[in-house]
PDB file of N, CA and C in Angstrom:
ATOM      1  N   UNK A   1       0.920  -1.148  -0.056  1.00  0.00           N
ATOM      2  CA  UNK A   1      -0.119  -0.310  -0.092  1.00  0.00           C
ATOM      3  C   UNK A   1       0.625   1.300  -0.256  1.00  0.00           C
ATOM      4  N   UNK A   2       0.579   2.042  -0.908  1.00  0.00           N
ATOM      5  CA  UNK A   2       1.152   3.288  -0.751  1.00  0.00           C
ATOM      6  C   UNK A   2       1.078   4.979   0.199  1.00  0.00           C
ATOM      7  N   UNK A   3       1.676   5.446   0.883  1.00  0.00           N
ATOM      8  CA  UNK A   3       1.313   6.142   1.436  1.00  0.00           C
ATOM      9  C   UNK A   3       0.381   7.418   0.736  1.00  0.00           C
ATOM     10  N   UNK A   4      -0.360   7.573   1.991  1.00  0.00           N
ATOM     11  CA  UNK A   4      -1.748   8.268   1.104  1.00  0.00           C
ATOM     12  C   UNK A   4      -2.333   9.668   2.470  1.00  0.00           C
ATOM     13  N   UNK A   5      -1.109   9.835   3.508  1.00  0.00           N
ATOM     14  CA  UNK A   5      -1.533  10.761   4.702  1.00  0.00           C
ATOM     15  C   UNK A   5      -0.630  11.648   4.822  1.00  0.00           C
ATOM     16  N   UNK A   6      -0.702  12.791   4.362  1.00  0.00           N
ATOM     17  CA  UNK A   6      -0.239  14.233   3.934  1.00  0.00           C
ATOM     18  C   UNK A   6       0.039  14.208   5.300  1.00  0.00           C
ATOM     19  N   UNK A   7       0.856  15.788   5.371  1.00  0.00           N
ATOM     20  CA  UNK A   7       1.211  16.111   6.685  1.00  0.00           C
ATOM     21  C   UNK A   7       0.515  16.717   7.589  1.00  0.00           C
ATOM     22  N   UNK A   8      -0.526  17.273   7.026  1.00  0.00           N
ATOM     23  CA  UNK A   8      -1.184  18.210   7.738  1.00  0.00           C
ATOM     24  C   UNK A   8      -2.494  17.241   8.554  1.00  0.00           C
ATOM     25  N   UNK A   9      -2.944  16.301   7.462  1.00  0.00           N
ATOM     26  CA  UNK A   9      -3.619  14.856   8.098  1.00  0.00           C
ATOM     27  C   UNK A   9      -2.786  14.444   9.176  1.00  0.00           C
ATOM     28  N   UNK A  10      -1.396  14.195   9.010  1.00  0.00           N
ATOM     29  CA  UNK A  10      -0.919  13.465  10.184  1.00  0.00           C
ATOM     30  C   UNK A  10      -0.300  14.372  10.949  1.00  0.00           C
ATOM     31  N   UNK A  11      -0.296  15.750  11.239  1.00  0.00           N
ATOM     32  CA  UNK A  11      -0.509  15.942  12.317  1.00  0.00           C
ATOM     33  C   UNK A  11      -1.672  16.024  13.178  1.00  0.00           C
ATOM     34  N   UNK A  12      -2.958  16.527  11.838  1.00  0.00           N
ATOM     35  CA  UNK A  12      -4.447  16.097  13.145  1.00  0.00           C
ATOM     36  C   UNK A  12      -4.310  15.165  13.727  1.00  0.00           C
ATOM     37  N   UNK A  13      -3.911  13.554  13.312  1.00  0.00           N
ATOM     38  CA  UNK A  13      -4.636  12.394  13.619  1.00  0.00           C
ATOM     39  C   UNK A  13      -3.354  12.265  14.718  1.00  0.00           C
ATOM     40  N   UNK A  14      -1.854  12.828  14.368  1.00  0.00           N
ATOM     41  CA  UNK A  14      -1.160  12.407  15.575  1.00  0.00           C
ATOM     42  C   UNK A  14      -1.763  13.681  17.075  1.00  0.00           C
ATOM     43  N   UNK A  15      -2.620  14.421  16.961  1.00  0.00           N
ATOM     44  CA  UNK A  15      -2.468  15.518  17.863  1.00  0.00           C
ATOM     45  C   UNK A  15      -3.942  14.806  18.722  1.00  0.00           C
ATOM     46  N   UNK A  16      -5.028  14.476  17.592  1.00  0.00           N
ATOM     47  CA  UNK A  16      -6.086  13.670  18.261  1.00  0.00           C
ATOM     48  C   UNK A  16      -5.640  12.454  18.895  1.00  0.00           C
ATOM     49  N   UNK A  17      -4.927  11.706  18.765  1.00  0.00           N
ATOM     50  CA  UNK A  17      -4.776  10.479  18.815  1.00  0.00           C
ATOM     51  C   UNK A  17      -3.675  10.414  20.376  1.00  0.00           C
ATOM     52  N   UNK A  18      -2.943  11.710  20.539  1.00  0.00           N
ATOM     53  CA  UNK A  18      -2.292  12.119  21.682  1.00  0.00           C
ATOM     54  C   UNK A  18      -3.200  12.664  22.697  1.00  0.00           C
ATOM     55  N   UNK A  19      -4.098  13.387  22.182  1.00  0.00           N
ATOM     56  CA  UNK A  19      -5.019  13.825  23.268  1.00  0.00           C
ATOM     57  C   UNK A  19      -6.279  12.468  23.856  1.00  0.00           C
ATOM     58  N   UNK A  20      -6.594  11.619  22.947  1.00  0.00           N
ATOM     59  CA  UNK A  20      -7.455  10.555  23.445  1.00  0.00           C
ATOM     60  C   UNK A  20      -6.825   9.396  24.445  1.00  0.00           C
ATOM     61  N   UNK A  21      -5.870   9.170  23.519  1.00  0.00           N
ATOM     62  CA  UNK A  21      -5.275   7.818  24.485  1.00  0.00           C
ATOM     63  C   UNK A  21      -5.315   8.311  25.975  1.00  0.00           C
ATOM     64  N   UNK A  22      -4.938   9.050  26.421  1.00  0.00           N
ATOM     65  CA  UNK A  22      -4.848   9.069  28.372  1.00  0.00           C
ATOM     66  C   UNK A  22      -6.560   9.092  28.652  1.00  0.00           C
ATOM     67  N   UNK A  23      -7.285   8.896  27.874  1.00  0.00           N
ATOM     68  CA  UNK A  23      -8.524   8.431  28.576  1.00  0.00           C
ATOM     69  C   UNK A  23      -8.495   7.059  29.025  1.00  0.00           C
ATOM     70  N   UNK A  24      -8.231   6.237  28.332  1.00  0.00           N
ATOM     71  CA  UNK A  24      -7.838   4.898  28.608  1.00  0.00           C
ATOM     72  C   UNK A  24      -7.697   4.662  30.249  1.00  0.00           C
ATOM     73  N   UNK A  25      -7.045   5.265  30.531  1.00  0.00           N
ATOM     74  CA  UNK A  25      -6.388   5.627  31.862  1.00  0.00           C
ATOM     75  C   UNK A  25      -7.158   6.292  32.860  1.00  0.00           C
ATOM     76  N   UNK A  26      -7.353   7.914  32.374  1.00  0.00           N
ATOM     77  CA  UNK A  26      -8.076   8.245  33.367  1.00  0.00           C
ATOM     78  C   UNK A  26      -9.411   8.232  33.682  1.00  0.00           C
ATOM     79  N   UNK A  27     -10.355   8.042  32.763  1.00  0.00           N
ATOM     80  CA  UNK A  27     -12.110   7.773  32.692  1.00  0.00           C
ATOM     81  C   UNK A  27     -12.480   6.662  32.906  1.00  0.00           C
ATOM     82  N   UNK A  28     -13.338   6.502  34.489  1.00  0.00           N
ATOM     83  CA  UNK A  28     -13.783   4.972  34.335  1.00  0.00           C
ATOM     84  C   UNK A  28     -15.208   4.487  33.588  1.00  0.00           C
ATOM     85  N   UNK A  29     -15.112   3.740  33.686  1.00  0.00           N
ATOM     86  CA  UNK A  29     -17.009   3.157  32.966  1.00  0.00           C
ATOM     87  C   UNK A  29     -16.731   2.938  31.408  1.00  0.00           C
ATOM     88  N   UNK A  30     -17.592   2.952  30.546  1.00  0.00           N
ATOM     89  CA  UNK A  30     -17.288   2.994  29.258  1.00  0.00           C
ATOM     90  C   UNK A  30     -16.859   3.817  28.667  1.00  0.00           C
ATOM     91  N   UNK A  31     -16.668   5.188  28.980  1.00  0.00           N
ATOM     92  CA  UNK A  31     -16.310   6.238  28.659  1.00  0.00           C
ATOM     93  C   UNK A  31     -15.018   6.458  28.259  1.00  0.00           C
ATOM     94  N   UNK A  32     -14.302   5.478  29.532  1.00  0.00           N
ATOM     95  CA  UNK A  32     -12.723   4.910  28.910  1.00  0.00           C
ATOM     96  C   UNK A  32     -12.430   4.624  27.548  1.00  0.00           C
ATOM     97  N   UNK A  33     -13.604   3.969  27.069  1.00  0.00           N
ATOM     98  CA  UNK A  33     -12.893   3.076  25.700  1.00  0.00           C
ATOM     99  C   UNK A  33     -13.117   4.160  24.641  1.00  0.00           C
ATOM    100  N   UNK A  34     -13.372   4.771  25.158  1.00  0.00           N
ATOM    101  CA  UNK A  34     -13.244   6.314  23.729  1.00  0.00           C
ATOM    102  C   UNK A  34     -11.465   6.383  23.431  1.00  0.00           C
ATOM    103  N   UNK A  35     -10.632   6.088  24.264  1.00  0.00           N
ATOM    104  CA  UNK A  35      -9.593   5.824  23.865  1.00  0.00           C
ATOM    105  C   UNK A  35      -8.981   4.803  22.990  1.00  0.00           C
ATOM    106  N   UNK A  36      -9.445   4.156  22.784  1.00  0.00           N
ATOM    107  CA  UNK A  36      -9.211   3.014  21.878  1.00  0.00           C
ATOM    108  C   UNK A  36      -9.148   3.745  20.535  1.00  0.00           C
ATOM    109  N   UNK A  37     -10.034   4.521  20.446  1.00  0.00           N
ATOM    110  CA  UNK A  37     -10.004   5.322  18.902  1.00  0.00           C
ATOM    111  C   UNK A  37      -8.779   5.918  18.673  1.00  0.00           C
ATOM    112  N   UNK A  38      -7.776   6.173  19.433  1.00  0.00           N
ATOM    113  CA  UNK A  38      -6.510   6.984  19.245  1.00  0.00           C
ATOM    114  C   UNK A  38      -5.479   5.600  18.795  1.00  0.00           C
ATOM    115  N   UNK A  39      -5.898   4.503  19.259  1.00  0.00           N
ATOM    116  CA  UNK A  39      -4.806   3.485  18.642  1.00  0.00           C
ATOM    117  C   UNK A  39      -4.636   3.779  16.829  1.00  0.00           C
ATOM    118  N   UNK A  40      -5.809   3.691  16.281  1.00  0.00           N
ATOM    119  CA  UNK A  40      -5.545   3.570  14.867  1.00  0.00           C
ATOM    120  C   UNK A  40      -5.409   5.193  14.599  1.00  0.00           C
ATOM    121  N   UNK A  41      -5.737   5.822  15.464  1.00  0.00           N
ATOM    122  CA  UNK A  41      -5.324   7.125  14.772  1.00  0.00           C
ATOM    123  C   UNK A  41      -3.286   7.321  14.737  1.00  0.00           C
ATOM    124  N   UNK A  42      -2.918   6.997  15.964  1.00  0.00           N
ATOM    125  CA  UNK A  42      -1.571   6.743  16.040  1.00  0.00           C
ATOM    126  C   UNK A  42      -0.793   6.195  15.325  1.00  0.00           C
ATOM    127  N   UNK A  43      -1.382   4.823  14.616  1.00  0.00           N
ATOM    128  CA  UNK A  43      -0.743   3.787  13.656  1.00  0.00           C
ATOM    129  C   UNK A  43      -0.834   4.364  12.136  1.00  0.00           C
ATOM    130  N   UNK A  44      -1.798   4.852  12.084  1.00  0.00           N
ATOM    131  CA  UNK A  44      -1.680   5.905  10.416  1.00  0.00           C
ATOM    132  C   UNK A  44      -0.868   7.071  10.433  1.00  0.00           C
ATOM    133  N   UNK A  45      -0.920   7.671  11.683  1.00  0.00           N
ATOM    134  CA  UNK A  45      -0.037   9.044  11.611  1.00  0.00           C
ATOM    135  C   UNK A  45       1.431   8.334  11.273  1.00  0.00           C
ATOM    136  N   UNK A  46       2.031   7.402  12.254  1.00  0.00           N
ATOM    137  CA  UNK A  46       3.143   7.012  12.449  1.00  0.00           C
ATOM    138  C   UNK A  46       4.050   6.042  10.932  1.00  0.00           C
ATOM    139  N   UNK A  47       2.918   5.369  10.048  1.00  0.00           N
ATOM    140  CA  UNK A  47       3.211   4.575   9.159  1.00  0.00           C
ATOM    141  C   UNK A  47       2.611   5.659   7.616  1.00  0.00           C
ATOM    142  N   UNK A  48       1.602   6.406   8.046  1.00  0.00           N
ATOM    143  CA  UNK A  48       1.274   7.591   6.717  1.00  0.00           C
ATOM    144  C   UNK A  48       0.405   6.901   5.614  1.00  0.00           C
ATOM    145  N   UNK A  49      -0.208   5.309   6.157  1.00  0.00           N
ATOM    146  CA  UNK A  49      -1.137   4.890   5.407  1.00  0.00           C
ATOM    147  C   UNK A  49      -2.266   4.486   6.058  1.00  0.00           C
ATOM    148  N   UNK A  50      -3.252   5.075   5.187  1.00  0.00           N
ATOM    149  CA  UNK A  50      -4.701   4.533   5.362  1.00  0.00           C
ATOM    150  C   UNK A  50      -5.277   3.455   5.196  1.00  0.00           C
ATOM    151  N   UNK A  51      -6.104   2.391   5.606  1.00  0.00           N
ATOM    152  CA  UNK A  51      -6.616   1.448   5.001  1.00  0.00           C
ATOM    153  C   UNK A  51      -8.023   2.300   4.134  1.00  0.00           C
ATOM    154  N   UNK A  52      -8.912   2.778   4.671  1.00  0.00           N
ATOM    155  CA  UNK A  52      -9.833   3.804   4.880  1.00  0.00           C
ATOM    156  C   UNK A  52      -9.994   4.545   3.546  1.00  0.00           C
ATOM    157  N   UNK A  53      -9.102   5.279   3.416  1.00  0.00           N
ATOM    158  CA  UNK A  53      -8.547   6.199   2.191  1.00  0.00           C
ATOM    159  C   UNK A  53      -8.139   5.224   1.171  1.00  0.00           C
ATOM    160  N   UNK A  54      -7.331   4.232   1.716  1.00  0.00           N
ATOM    161  CA  UNK A  54      -6.954   3.069   0.172  1.00  0.00           C
ATOM    162  C   UNK A  54      -8.381   2.409  -0.129  1.00  0.00           C
ATOM    163  N   UNK A  55      -9.369   2.186   0.372  1.00  0.00           N
ATOM    164  CA  UNK A  55     -10.616   1.614  -0.011  1.00  0.00           C
ATOM    165  C   UNK A  55     -11.226   2.482  -0.809  1.00  0.00           C
ATOM    166  N   UNK A  56     -11.429   3.535  -0.561  1.00  0.00           N
ATOM    167  CA  UNK A  56     -12.113   4.975  -1.190  1.00  0.00           C
ATOM    168  C   UNK A  56     -11.324   5.452  -2.736  1.00  0.00           C
ATOM    169  N   UNK A  57     -10.016   5.610  -2.192  1.00  0.00           N
ATOM    170  CA  UNK A  57      -8.893   6.164  -3.310  1.00  0.00           C
ATOM    171  C   UNK A  57      -8.784   7.436  -2.994  1.00  0.00           C
ATOM    172  N   UNK A  58      -8.998   7.841  -1.640  1.00  0.00           N
ATOM    173  CA  UNK A  58      -8.440   9.185  -1.620  1.00  0.00           C
ATOM    174  C   UNK A  58      -6.738   9.036  -0.796  1.00  0.00           C
ATOM    175  N   UNK A  59      -6.454  10.390  -1.119  1.00  0.00           N
ATOM    176  CA  UNK A  59      -4.629  10.590  -0.522  1.00  0.00           C
ATOM    177  C   UNK A  59      -4.953  12.080  -0.200  1.00  0.00           C
ATOM    178  N   UNK A  60      -4.249  11.929   1.024  1.00  0.00           N
ATOM    179  CA  UNK A  60      -4.691  13.699   0.860  1.00  0.00           C
ATOM    180  C   UNK A  60      -2.411  13.795   1.137  1.00  0.00           C
ATOM    181  N   UNK A  61      -1.496  12.985   0.348  1.00  0.00           N
ATOM    182  CA  UNK A  61      -0.218  13.500   0.048  1.00  0.00           C
ATOM    183  C   UNK A  61      -0.250  14.872  -0.946  1.00  0.00           C
ATOM    184  N   UNK A  62       0.604  15.293  -0.606  1.00  0.00           N
ATOM    185  CA  UNK A  62       0.817  16.680  -1.816  1.00  0.00           C
ATOM    186  C   UNK A  62       1.813  15.959  -2.693  1.00  0.00           C
ATOM    187  N   UNK A  63       0.674  16.528  -4.310  1.00  0.00           N
ATOM    188  CA  UNK A  63       1.728  16.180  -5.468  1.00  0.00           C
ATOM    189  C   UNK A  63       2.765  16.736  -5.803  1.00  0.00           C
ATOM    190  N   UNK A  64       3.999  15.654  -5.918  1.00  0.00           N
ATOM    191  CA  UNK A  64       5.362  16.048  -6.206  1.00  0.00           C
ATOM    192  C   UNK A  64       5.546  16.394  -7.506  1.00  0.00           C
ATOM    193  N   UNK A  65       6.267  17.850  -7.996  1.00  0.00           N
ATOM    194  CA  UNK A  65       5.997  18.264  -8.931  1.00  0.00           C
ATOM    195  C   UNK A  65       7.714  17.711 -10.147  1.00  0.00           C
TER     196      UNK A  65
END
């Protein structure tokens, strides 16, 4: 799979992932599982490959000339 996550998209994923990950350890009850959403965000930001983008044929990578 080719890289399909651009710089701006990657930064947003990192910020959201880093912000929601601590919820796994801070909150009690069912709301704590919102922190699980951070795992795919952090993974796709690190690898710059998003499976959902690949399925729909989308890419936020900048076109290099």
